[in-house]
Amino acid sequence: MRKIIKYVIIDILRNRIMLLYTLFLLVISLSIFNLEDNSSKGLLSLLNIILIIVPLVSLLFSAIYVYNSAEFLELLLGQPLRRRSIWLSLFTGLASSLAFAFFVGAGIPLMLYEPTATGFMMLGVGMLLSIIFVSIAMLAAVMTRDKAKGIGMAILLWLYFALIFDGLLLFILFQFADYPLEKPMLALSALNPIDLGRILILLKLDVSALLGYTGAVFKSFFGSGSGLILAFGILILWFVLPVWISLRKFIRKDL
């Protein structure tokens, strides 16, 4: 299992797309912090990139990598290796590589320019989002053999989490504006890791006051120690459950 993980990590870190992704994050992060005179503005600008670019790259790169590794997986299945070990090794290699790329590209500038609780929260959320969308991509890839359908499914999932979900929430808020929906919003936010990560970072930036009473509800819940533990527990579930489902499908799949 260690040899497979090592091979996958080395193979990915040599990939030009991964190198460009890391360089892109590094250049953008350094540019934002050097151009903005206020660190809070820099963090907000970087937040938008983390919540949009990181999930997209993690989804697409992981899905394409799994499809391109089909022959490699078939070769491994011909060896006396358990399918569970093969699939988990592939996930560990992909997740470690993308999390490391984010750490180098955005994490190092965050620690240099904003070594505060907010900076470390943004670093943790970004790395968790990288791992979460690797697991979602692997689930999408194992659902269908067709590469175009799998990549299309990954793009649709990104659109849903990044754009469509917020539109649905706004629709619900407008339709039920006469009802107190602040507490139900806490439960609905757990259905989207991007939104949950955004809430955690915005609360650390102390801009929740802009959200009115809803922001106060979020701050009273997620601002507490138990709320933070629960939020990170939900984010961990967001990569554990897709990996578990994809593992079961991979074990039963006829290659």
Protein backbone atom coordinates (compact mmCIF):
# COMPACT_ATOMS: atom_id res chain seq x y z
CA MET A 1 0.00 0.00 0.00
CA ARG A 2 2.83 2.41 0.82
CA LYS A 3 4.51 1.76 -2.53
CA ILE A 4 1.29 2.54 -4.40
CA ILE A 5 0.78 5.77 -2.43
CA LYS A 6 4.39 6.79 -3.03
CA TYR A 7 4.10 6.09 -6.78
CA VAL A 8 0.85 8.07 -7.07
CA ILE A 9 2.24 11.06 -5.15
CA ILE A 10 5.46 11.17 -7.19
CA ASP A 11 3.51 10.78 -10.44
CA ILE A 12 1.13 13.62 -9.56
CA LEU A 13 3.79 16.00 -8.28
CA ARG A 14 5.62 15.59 -11.59
CA ASN A 15 2.46 16.46 -13.52
CA ARG A 16 2.66 19.82 -15.29
CA ILE A 17 -0.96 20.66 -14.49
CA MET A 18 -0.28 20.19 -10.78
CA LEU A 19 2.86 22.32 -10.98
CA LEU A 20 0.93 25.07 -12.80
CA TYR A 21 -1.88 24.87 -10.25
CA THR A 22 0.57 25.27 -7.37
CA LEU A 23 2.37 28.13 -9.13
CA PHE A 24 -0.96 29.83 -9.90
CA LEU A 25 -2.05 29.71 -6.26
CA LEU A 26 1.36 30.95 -5.12
CA VAL A 27 1.44 33.90 -7.55
CA ILE A 28 -2.16 34.90 -6.84
CA SER A 29 -1.73 34.65 -3.06
CA LEU A 30 1.49 36.68 -3.02
CA SER A 31 -0.01 39.27 -5.39
CA ILE A 32 -3.14 39.69 -3.27
CA PHE A 33 -1.24 40.20 -0.02
CA ASN A 34 1.26 42.58 -1.61
CA LEU A 35 -1.37 44.69 -3.40
CA GLU A 36 -3.87 44.99 -0.55
CA ASP A 37 -2.99 47.43 2.23
CA ASN A 38 -5.48 45.70 4.55
CA SER A 39 -4.90 42.05 5.39
CA SER A 40 -8.65 41.44 5.86
CA LYS A 41 -9.31 42.55 2.28
CA GLY A 42 -6.55 40.23 1.11
CA LEU A 43 -8.10 37.32 2.98
CA LEU A 44 -11.52 38.03 1.47
CA SER A 45 -10.03 38.14 -2.02
CA LEU A 46 -8.16 34.87 -1.40
CA LEU A 47 -11.33 33.33 0.06
CA ASN A 48 -13.15 33.65 -3.27
CA ILE A 49 -10.31 31.84 -5.05
CA ILE A 50 -10.20 29.07 -2.44
CA LEU A 51 -13.95 28.46 -2.62
CA ILE A 52 -14.13 28.42 -6.43
CA ILE A 53 -10.78 27.34 -7.91
CA VAL A 54 -9.69 24.74 -5.35
CA PRO A 55 -12.86 22.56 -5.58
CA LEU A 56 -12.91 22.83 -9.38
CA VAL A 57 -9.28 21.78 -9.85
CA SER A 58 -9.57 19.02 -7.23
CA LEU A 59 -12.67 17.59 -8.91
CA LEU A 60 -11.50 17.73 -12.51
CA PHE A 61 -7.90 16.68 -11.92
CA SER A 62 -8.87 13.74 -9.71
CA ALA A 63 -11.60 12.50 -12.07
CA ILE A 64 -9.30 12.67 -15.10
CA TYR A 65 -6.45 11.02 -13.19
CA VAL A 66 -8.65 8.09 -12.12
CA TYR A 67 -9.83 7.52 -15.70
CA ASN A 68 -6.29 7.79 -17.08
CA SER A 69 -5.13 5.27 -14.44
CA ALA A 70 -7.53 2.56 -15.63
CA GLU A 71 -4.76 0.40 -17.10
CA PHE A 72 -2.62 0.90 -14.00
CA LEU A 73 -5.54 -0.21 -11.80
CA GLU A 74 -6.12 -3.28 -13.97
CA LEU A 75 -2.43 -4.15 -13.63
CA LEU A 76 -2.64 -3.84 -9.84
CA LEU A 77 -5.78 -5.97 -9.74
CA GLY A 78 -3.82 -8.73 -11.45
CA GLN A 79 -1.49 -8.80 -8.44
CA PRO A 80 -2.26 -10.42 -5.07
CA LEU A 81 -3.57 -7.12 -3.70
CA ARG A 82 -6.89 -6.33 -2.09
CA ARG A 83 -9.17 -3.95 -3.96
CA ARG A 84 -9.69 -2.01 -0.75
CA SER A 85 -5.94 -1.31 -0.45
CA ILE A 86 -5.65 -0.27 -4.11
CA TRP A 87 -8.56 2.19 -3.99
CA LEU A 88 -7.62 3.71 -0.64
CA SER A 89 -4.00 4.06 -1.79
CA LEU A 90 -5.16 5.94 -4.89
CA PHE A 91 -7.33 8.23 -2.78
CA THR A 92 -4.54 8.84 -0.26
CA GLY A 93 -2.07 9.70 -3.02
CA LEU A 94 -4.47 12.09 -4.76
CA ALA A 95 -5.66 13.76 -1.56
CA SER A 96 -2.13 14.17 -0.19
CA SER A 97 -0.84 15.65 -3.45
CA LEU A 98 -3.65 18.18 -3.87
CA ALA A 99 -3.56 19.16 -0.19
CA PHE A 100 0.22 19.63 -0.44
CA ALA A 101 -0.16 21.72 -3.60
CA PHE A 102 -2.65 23.96 -1.81
CA PHE A 103 -0.37 24.21 1.21
CA VAL A 104 2.59 25.30 -0.92
CA GLY A 105 0.56 27.61 -3.16
CA ALA A 106 -1.70 29.32 -0.63
CA GLY A 107 -0.69 28.02 2.80
CA ILE A 108 2.84 29.38 2.85
CA PRO A 109 1.75 32.95 1.91
CA LEU A 110 -1.00 32.72 4.54
CA MET A 111 1.48 31.78 7.24
CA LEU A 112 3.89 34.51 6.12
CA TYR A 113 1.41 37.38 5.82
CA GLU A 114 -1.44 36.32 8.13
CA PRO A 115 -0.17 33.99 10.90
CA THR A 116 -3.41 34.42 12.86
CA ALA A 117 -6.36 32.21 13.77
CA THR A 118 -8.12 33.43 10.61
CA GLY A 119 -5.18 32.48 8.41
CA PHE A 120 -4.90 29.03 9.93
CA MET A 121 -8.68 28.56 9.62
CA MET A 122 -8.45 29.41 5.92
CA LEU A 123 -5.53 27.02 5.52
CA GLY A 124 -7.41 24.19 7.24
CA VAL A 125 -10.61 24.77 5.28
CA GLY A 126 -8.71 24.92 1.97
CA MET A 127 -6.91 21.66 2.61
CA LEU A 128 -10.14 19.96 3.73
CA LEU A 129 -11.94 21.19 0.60
CA SER A 130 -9.14 19.75 -1.54
CA ILE A 131 -9.56 16.34 0.12
CA ILE A 132 -13.37 16.48 0.03
CA PHE A 133 -13.56 17.13 -3.70
CA VAL A 134 -11.00 14.44 -4.42
CA SER A 135 -13.32 11.96 -2.71
CA ILE A 136 -16.36 13.30 -4.61
CA ALA A 137 -14.44 13.05 -7.90
CA MET A 138 -13.49 9.44 -7.21
CA LEU A 139 -17.13 8.63 -6.49
CA ALA A 140 -18.16 10.24 -9.77
CA ALA A 141 -15.44 8.34 -11.64
CA VAL A 142 -16.40 4.94 -10.23
CA MET A 143 -20.09 5.49 -11.04
CA THR A 144 -19.56 5.26 -14.80
CA ARG A 145 -16.94 3.85 -17.14
CA ASP A 146 -17.47 6.54 -19.75
CA LYS A 147 -14.81 9.23 -19.27
CA ALA A 148 -16.89 12.03 -20.80
CA LYS A 149 -19.88 11.23 -18.57
CA GLY A 150 -17.70 11.01 -15.49
CA ILE A 151 -15.99 14.34 -16.12
CA GLY A 152 -19.35 15.89 -17.01
CA MET A 153 -20.76 14.61 -13.73
CA ALA A 154 -17.81 16.13 -11.86
CA ILE A 155 -18.40 19.53 -13.50
CA LEU A 156 -22.13 19.39 -12.68
CA LEU A 157 -21.32 18.56 -9.06
CA TRP A 158 -18.98 21.57 -8.88
CA LEU A 159 -21.67 23.81 -10.41
CA TYR A 160 -24.16 22.54 -7.85
CA PHE A 161 -21.93 23.08 -4.83
CA ALA A 162 -20.41 26.38 -6.01
CA LEU A 163 -23.42 28.10 -7.63
CA ILE A 164 -26.73 26.24 -7.76
CA PHE A 165 -26.92 25.43 -4.04
CA ASP A 166 -26.74 29.11 -3.08
CA GLY A 167 -29.48 29.89 -5.60
CA LEU A 168 -31.70 27.23 -4.06
CA LEU A 169 -31.08 28.66 -0.58
CA LEU A 170 -32.04 32.15 -1.78
CA PHE A 171 -35.19 30.74 -3.37
CA ILE A 172 -36.16 29.07 -0.08
CA LEU A 173 -35.47 32.26 1.86
CA PHE A 174 -37.65 34.34 -0.47
CA GLN A 175 -40.48 31.81 -0.53
CA PHE A 176 -40.57 31.47 3.26
CA ALA A 177 -39.51 34.99 4.18
CA ASP A 178 -42.32 35.28 6.75
CA TYR A 179 -40.97 32.35 8.77
CA PRO A 180 -37.90 32.23 11.06
CA LEU A 181 -35.43 30.30 8.93
CA GLU A 182 -32.19 31.19 10.69
CA LYS A 183 -31.92 27.91 12.59
CA PRO A 184 -32.94 25.73 9.60
CA MET A 185 -30.18 27.53 7.66
CA LEU A 186 -27.68 26.01 10.11
CA ALA A 187 -28.79 22.52 9.06
CA LEU A 188 -28.93 23.40 5.35
CA SER A 189 -25.41 24.83 5.44
CA ALA A 190 -24.12 21.37 6.43
CA LEU A 191 -25.33 20.06 3.04
CA ASN A 192 -22.65 22.01 1.20
CA PRO A 193 -18.97 21.87 2.26
CA ILE A 194 -18.18 25.07 0.35
CA ASP A 195 -20.84 27.04 2.21
CA LEU A 196 -19.79 25.54 5.53
CA GLY A 197 -16.16 26.50 4.88
CA ARG A 198 -17.21 30.01 3.86
CA ILE A 199 -19.18 30.48 7.08
CA LEU A 200 -16.28 29.32 9.25
CA ILE A 201 -13.84 31.73 7.59
CA LEU A 202 -16.22 34.71 7.53
CA LEU A 203 -16.93 34.26 11.23
CA LYS A 204 -13.20 34.35 11.94
CA LEU A 205 -12.96 37.53 9.85
CA ASP A 206 -15.69 39.00 12.08
CA VAL A 207 -17.83 40.17 9.16
CA SER A 208 -20.84 38.13 10.29
CA ALA A 209 -22.44 41.38 11.44
CA LEU A 210 -23.08 42.15 7.77
CA LEU A 211 -25.42 39.15 7.69
CA GLY A 212 -27.72 40.57 10.36
CA TYR A 213 -29.59 38.22 12.65
CA THR A 214 -28.61 35.21 10.56
CA GLY A 215 -24.96 36.07 11.08
CA ALA A 216 -25.56 36.37 14.80
CA VAL A 217 -27.13 32.90 14.85
CA PHE A 218 -24.17 31.47 12.91
CA LYS A 219 -21.70 33.17 15.22
CA SER A 220 -23.44 31.97 18.38
CA PHE A 221 -23.34 28.37 17.10
CA PHE A 222 -20.18 28.03 15.01
CA GLY A 223 -18.26 30.54 17.12
CA SER A 224 -18.32 28.23 20.12
CA GLY A 225 -15.84 25.41 20.64
CA SER A 226 -18.48 22.70 20.27
CA GLY A 227 -19.79 24.39 17.11
CA LEU A 228 -16.32 24.41 15.54
CA ILE A 229 -15.79 20.75 16.40
CA LEU A 230 -19.16 19.86 14.88
CA ALA A 231 -18.44 21.90 11.73
CA PHE A 232 -15.08 20.22 11.17
CA GLY A 233 -16.67 16.87 11.95
CA ILE A 234 -19.22 17.50 9.18
CA LEU A 235 -16.42 18.46 6.77
CA ILE A 236 -14.59 15.23 7.62
CA LEU A 237 -17.79 13.27 6.95
CA TRP A 238 -17.96 14.96 3.56
CA PHE A 239 -14.83 13.10 2.41
CA VAL A 240 -15.29 9.92 4.46
CA LEU A 241 -18.75 9.08 3.12
CA PRO A 242 -17.96 9.52 -0.63
CA VAL A 243 -14.77 7.48 -0.20
CA TRP A 244 -16.67 4.72 1.60
CA ILE A 245 -19.42 4.61 -1.06
CA SER A 246 -16.91 4.66 -3.92
CA LEU A 247 -14.87 1.92 -2.21
CA ARG A 248 -17.92 -0.34 -1.97
CA LYS A 249 -18.72 0.25 -5.64
CA PHE A 250 -15.10 -0.35 -6.70
CA ILE A 251 -14.96 -3.63 -4.77
CA ARG A 252 -18.11 -4.88 -6.53
CA LYS A 253 -17.33 -3.39 -9.93
CA ASP A 254 -16.51 -5.71 -12.82
CA LEU A 255 -13.47 -4.23 -14.55
